[in-house]
Amino acid sequence: MQAYLTLTRRELAAYLNSMTGYVVIAAAVFLTGLSFTVLLLKLQDTPTPAPLTELFFATPFFWLIILLAAPVITMRLFAQERFAGTFETLMTAPVSDLQVVLAKFTAAWLFYLLMWLPLLASSFILRRFTSLPAALDAGTLGGAFLGIALLGGVFVAGGLLASAVTRSQIIAAMLCLVGGVTLFLLSFLGDRVDAISTRLAQVCNHLNLFDHMNDFARGVVDTRPVVFLLSLTALFLFLTLRVLESRRWR
């Protein structure tokens, strides 16, 4: 446990001590603020019964942050170690492969969550300057951030796997981006393949990240998407572990 915590602090400090980490946070703050500004301008004369969080997750800004931030956050995790020649030192240290994978994932995931804190600040600002009690509804915000955390776990774990298979950070980022976009596009295949195969349509509906996030944004927590997202995260981490073990014995 001590080795895991030490590695986690090391990786998290690497984000907070680098310019890249602050650029990612600044970009996320800018896109979040821009999204809320656009939504409020559209809704100033048009009331809506939907929670503001649901409207936010339906915008392209949210998915743009997810799809672009995950590759930037994760591309250096293993690729930089291999490029700098410190990968062999890490693998021969008195620490298990599982601890290395979990520590890097935890650090990247915590930084990802830190990136989304301005969203909470935006909700407080809305509550302060408007007469909308629902703008800071605890259940809605809790469900929204649970969805953000679970979805981030999937994309961060996928980026960790991409970084483990190459020594180039650019290639790792591209692999993570392609995988993320592919997973996102699968969300829209359910209706299109329904006429071809009902079972295939059901599979695509289970992969529909868009619908899952809409439920979380409304404060609806269903165990099925929770289990699905956790299982997908665990699968990516398992594959990353297998990649590391295969490289150890080469």
Protein backbone atom coordinates (compact mmCIF):
# COMPACT_ATOMS: atom_id res chain seq x y z
CA MET A 1 0.00 0.00 0.00
CA GLN A 2 2.85 2.40 0.81
CA ALA A 3 4.40 1.89 -2.61
CA TYR A 4 1.05 2.50 -4.28
CA LEU A 5 0.51 5.76 -2.39
CA THR A 6 4.04 6.92 -3.14
CA LEU A 7 3.64 6.26 -6.86
CA THR A 8 0.25 7.98 -6.86
CA ARG A 9 1.68 11.12 -5.21
CA ARG A 10 4.58 11.07 -7.68
CA GLU A 11 2.32 10.90 -10.72
CA LEU A 12 -0.13 13.48 -9.37
CA ALA A 13 2.72 15.87 -8.59
CA ALA A 14 3.92 15.47 -12.18
CA TYR A 15 0.59 16.90 -13.38
CA LEU A 16 0.54 19.76 -10.89
CA ASN A 17 4.17 20.71 -11.54
CA SER A 18 3.91 20.78 -15.33
CA MET A 19 2.53 23.40 -17.69
CA THR A 20 0.49 20.75 -19.52
CA GLY A 21 -1.68 20.11 -16.47
CA TYR A 22 -2.60 23.76 -16.09
CA VAL A 23 -3.26 24.13 -19.81
CA VAL A 24 -5.72 21.22 -19.62
CA ILE A 25 -7.47 22.77 -16.60
CA ALA A 26 -7.58 26.20 -18.28
CA ALA A 27 -9.06 24.71 -21.47
CA ALA A 28 -11.68 22.82 -19.46
CA VAL A 29 -12.59 25.99 -17.52
CA PHE A 30 -12.90 27.96 -20.76
CA LEU A 31 -15.12 25.39 -22.48
CA THR A 32 -17.27 24.91 -19.37
CA GLY A 33 -17.78 28.65 -18.99
CA LEU A 34 -18.48 29.05 -22.70
CA SER A 35 -21.04 26.24 -22.58
CA PHE A 36 -22.88 27.76 -19.62
CA THR A 37 -22.85 31.18 -21.28
CA VAL A 38 -24.37 29.79 -24.49
CA LEU A 39 -27.02 27.86 -22.54
CA LEU A 40 -28.03 30.84 -20.44
CA LEU A 41 -28.29 33.09 -23.48
CA LYS A 42 -30.57 30.56 -25.17
CA LEU A 43 -32.71 30.07 -22.08
CA GLN A 44 -33.10 33.68 -20.96
CA ASP A 45 -36.44 33.95 -22.79
CA THR A 46 -37.29 30.24 -23.05
CA PRO A 47 -38.06 28.35 -19.82
CA THR A 48 -37.28 24.65 -19.72
CA PRO A 49 -38.28 21.91 -17.26
CA ALA A 50 -34.98 20.05 -17.79
CA PRO A 51 -32.17 20.49 -15.24
CA LEU A 52 -29.33 22.68 -16.44
CA THR A 53 -26.90 19.82 -15.95
CA GLU A 54 -28.87 17.71 -18.44
CA LEU A 55 -28.73 20.51 -20.99
CA PHE A 56 -24.99 20.90 -20.41
CA PHE A 57 -24.25 17.22 -21.00
CA ALA A 58 -26.24 17.38 -24.23
CA THR A 59 -23.96 20.08 -25.64
CA PRO A 60 -20.87 19.28 -27.74
CA PHE A 61 -18.72 21.18 -25.24
CA PHE A 62 -18.96 18.45 -22.60
CA TRP A 63 -18.04 15.66 -24.99
CA LEU A 64 -15.28 17.78 -26.51
CA ILE A 65 -13.72 18.16 -23.07
CA ILE A 66 -13.98 14.41 -22.42
CA LEU A 67 -12.62 13.30 -25.80
CA LEU A 68 -9.70 15.77 -25.90
CA ALA A 69 -8.70 15.88 -22.23
CA ALA A 70 -8.32 12.13 -21.71
CA PRO A 71 -5.59 11.68 -24.38
CA VAL A 72 -3.63 14.68 -23.09
CA ILE A 73 -3.87 13.53 -19.48
CA THR A 74 -2.86 9.91 -20.12
CA MET A 75 -0.45 10.04 -23.06
CA ARG A 76 2.64 10.49 -20.89
CA LEU A 77 1.91 7.87 -18.23
CA PHE A 78 3.86 4.95 -19.72
CA ALA A 79 5.05 6.36 -23.06
CA GLN A 80 7.26 8.97 -21.39
CA GLU A 81 8.71 6.37 -19.03
CA ARG A 82 9.74 4.21 -21.98
CA PHE A 83 11.02 7.14 -24.03
CA ALA A 84 13.10 8.50 -21.13
CA GLY A 85 14.48 5.07 -20.28
CA THR A 86 13.00 4.99 -16.78
CA PHE A 87 10.49 2.26 -17.57
CA GLU A 88 12.98 -0.55 -16.86
CA THR A 89 13.94 1.08 -13.56
CA LEU A 90 10.31 1.30 -12.55
CA MET A 91 9.64 -2.31 -13.49
CA THR A 92 12.63 -3.57 -11.49
CA ALA A 93 11.70 -1.56 -8.40
CA PRO A 94 10.18 -3.40 -5.40
CA VAL A 95 6.65 -2.71 -6.58
CA SER A 96 4.18 -4.95 -8.40
CA ASP A 97 2.80 -4.32 -11.88
CA LEU A 98 -0.68 -4.02 -10.41
CA GLN A 99 0.44 -1.26 -8.05
CA VAL A 100 2.06 0.63 -10.92
CA VAL A 101 -1.08 0.41 -13.07
CA LEU A 102 -3.42 1.39 -10.24
CA ALA A 103 -1.18 4.25 -9.09
CA LYS A 104 -0.93 5.78 -12.56
CA PHE A 105 -4.65 5.33 -13.13
CA THR A 106 -5.56 6.85 -9.75
CA ALA A 107 -3.34 9.90 -10.29
CA ALA A 108 -4.71 10.53 -13.79
CA TRP A 109 -8.30 9.99 -12.62
CA LEU A 110 -7.88 12.36 -9.65
CA PHE A 111 -6.46 15.03 -11.94
CA TYR A 112 -9.39 14.45 -14.28
CA LEU A 113 -11.81 15.04 -11.40
CA LEU A 114 -9.90 18.16 -10.41
CA MET A 115 -10.40 19.44 -13.94
CA TRP A 116 -14.19 19.29 -13.47
CA LEU A 117 -14.37 21.30 -10.24
CA PRO A 118 -15.17 24.54 -12.16
CA LEU A 119 -18.46 22.91 -13.14
CA LEU A 120 -19.41 22.85 -9.48
CA ALA A 121 -18.33 26.49 -9.16
CA SER A 122 -20.57 27.41 -12.10
CA SER A 123 -23.55 25.87 -10.30
CA PHE A 124 -22.80 27.92 -7.16
CA ILE A 125 -22.61 31.08 -9.27
CA LEU A 126 -25.99 30.28 -10.83
CA ARG A 127 -27.51 29.78 -7.40
CA ARG A 128 -26.01 33.04 -6.16
CA PHE A 129 -27.19 35.28 -8.99
CA THR A 130 -30.48 33.63 -9.98
CA SER A 131 -33.65 32.58 -8.22
CA LEU A 132 -33.31 28.97 -9.34
CA PRO A 133 -33.10 26.62 -6.33
CA ALA A 134 -32.80 23.68 -8.72
CA ALA A 135 -29.53 25.09 -10.01
CA LEU A 136 -27.82 23.57 -6.99
CA ASP A 137 -30.00 20.56 -6.30
CA ALA A 138 -27.87 18.09 -4.36
CA GLY A 139 -29.33 14.99 -6.02
CA THR A 140 -28.92 16.31 -9.54
CA LEU A 141 -25.37 17.51 -8.95
CA GLY A 142 -24.45 14.27 -7.21
CA GLY A 143 -25.75 12.17 -10.08
CA ALA A 144 -24.02 14.42 -12.61
CA PHE A 145 -20.63 14.18 -10.92
CA LEU A 146 -21.04 10.44 -10.44
CA GLY A 147 -21.56 10.13 -14.19
CA ILE A 148 -18.54 12.35 -14.86
CA ALA A 149 -16.39 10.24 -12.53
CA LEU A 150 -17.49 6.89 -14.00
CA LEU A 151 -17.19 8.06 -17.60
CA GLY A 152 -13.80 9.54 -16.85
CA GLY A 153 -12.65 6.24 -15.42
CA VAL A 154 -13.40 4.56 -18.76
CA PHE A 155 -11.57 7.12 -20.87
CA VAL A 156 -8.62 7.43 -18.48
CA ALA A 157 -8.21 3.65 -18.32
CA GLY A 158 -8.39 3.48 -22.11
CA GLY A 159 -5.74 6.18 -22.38
CA LEU A 160 -3.56 4.30 -19.90
CA LEU A 161 -3.77 1.21 -22.12
CA ALA A 162 -2.88 3.29 -25.19
CA SER A 163 0.15 4.75 -23.40
CA ALA A 164 1.32 1.27 -22.37
CA VAL A 165 1.54 -0.07 -25.92
CA THR A 166 3.83 2.61 -27.38
CA ARG A 167 6.80 4.79 -26.47
CA SER A 168 5.47 7.79 -28.42
CA GLN A 169 3.20 10.18 -26.53
CA ILE A 170 1.72 11.43 -29.80
CA ILE A 171 0.77 7.92 -30.90
CA ALA A 172 -0.64 7.18 -27.44
CA ALA A 173 -2.78 10.32 -27.60
CA MET A 174 -4.02 9.44 -31.09
CA LEU A 175 -4.88 5.88 -30.05
CA CYS A 176 -6.82 7.16 -27.04
CA LEU A 177 -8.61 9.74 -29.18
CA VAL A 178 -9.57 7.22 -31.85
CA GLY A 179 -10.78 4.75 -29.22
CA GLY A 180 -12.77 7.43 -27.42
CA VAL A 181 -14.40 8.74 -30.60
CA THR A 182 -15.25 5.17 -31.65
CA LEU A 183 -16.88 4.46 -28.29
CA PHE A 184 -18.77 7.74 -28.52
CA LEU A 185 -20.02 7.03 -32.06
CA LEU A 186 -21.30 3.62 -30.99
CA SER A 187 -23.83 5.52 -28.88
CA PHE A 188 -25.71 6.51 -32.03
CA LEU A 189 -25.83 3.11 -33.74
CA GLY A 190 -28.75 1.63 -31.76
CA ASP A 191 -31.52 3.21 -33.83
CA ARG A 192 -29.71 2.60 -37.11
CA VAL A 193 -29.13 -1.13 -36.65
CA ASP A 194 -32.53 -1.82 -35.09
CA ALA A 195 -33.94 -2.72 -38.50
CA ILE A 196 -31.04 -5.12 -39.12
CA SER A 197 -30.75 -6.94 -35.82
CA THR A 198 -32.68 -6.45 -32.60
CA ARG A 199 -29.95 -8.08 -30.52
CA LEU A 200 -27.25 -5.89 -32.06
CA ALA A 201 -29.41 -2.86 -31.36
CA GLN A 202 -29.67 -3.91 -27.70
CA VAL A 203 -25.89 -4.20 -27.47
CA CYS A 204 -25.47 -0.74 -28.98
CA ASN A 205 -28.01 0.66 -26.55
CA HIS A 206 -25.97 -0.71 -23.65
CA LEU A 207 -22.97 1.13 -25.12
CA ASN A 208 -24.92 4.37 -25.43
CA LEU A 209 -22.85 6.75 -23.31
CA PHE A 210 -25.07 9.65 -24.29
CA ASP A 211 -28.17 8.11 -22.72
CA HIS A 212 -26.23 7.04 -19.64
CA MET A 213 -25.01 10.59 -19.06
CA ASN A 214 -28.51 12.00 -19.58
CA ASP A 215 -29.77 9.75 -16.79
CA PHE A 216 -26.95 10.77 -14.45
CA ALA A 217 -27.50 14.45 -15.29
CA ARG A 218 -31.13 14.16 -14.21
CA GLY A 219 -30.03 12.65 -10.90
CA VAL A 220 -31.16 9.15 -11.92
CA VAL A 221 -28.63 6.53 -10.83
CA ASP A 222 -29.29 3.15 -12.45
CA THR A 223 -27.08 0.25 -11.42
CA ARG A 224 -26.83 -1.05 -15.01
CA PRO A 225 -24.78 1.85 -16.45
CA VAL A 226 -22.78 1.99 -13.22
CA VAL A 227 -21.83 -1.68 -13.53
CA PHE A 228 -21.19 -1.28 -17.26
CA LEU A 229 -18.83 1.68 -16.86
CA LEU A 230 -16.99 0.09 -13.94
CA SER A 231 -16.61 -3.17 -15.88
CA LEU A 232 -15.28 -1.36 -18.94
CA THR A 233 -12.77 0.50 -16.77
CA ALA A 234 -11.67 -2.75 -15.13
CA LEU A 235 -11.27 -4.38 -18.56
CA PHE A 236 -8.96 -1.62 -19.78
CA LEU A 237 -6.91 -1.80 -16.58
CA PHE A 238 -6.67 -5.58 -16.90
CA LEU A 239 -5.43 -5.28 -20.49
CA THR A 240 -2.88 -2.66 -19.40
CA LEU A 241 -1.64 -5.01 -16.71
CA ARG A 242 -1.25 -7.80 -19.26
CA VAL A 243 0.72 -5.48 -21.56
CA LEU A 244 3.12 -4.62 -18.75
CA GLU A 245 3.55 -8.25 -17.77
CA SER A 246 4.32 -9.22 -21.36
CA ARG A 247 6.98 -6.50 -21.62
CA ARG A 248 8.54 -7.55 -18.31
CA TRP A 249 9.31 -11.02 -19.69
CA ARG A 250 10.65 -9.92 -23.05
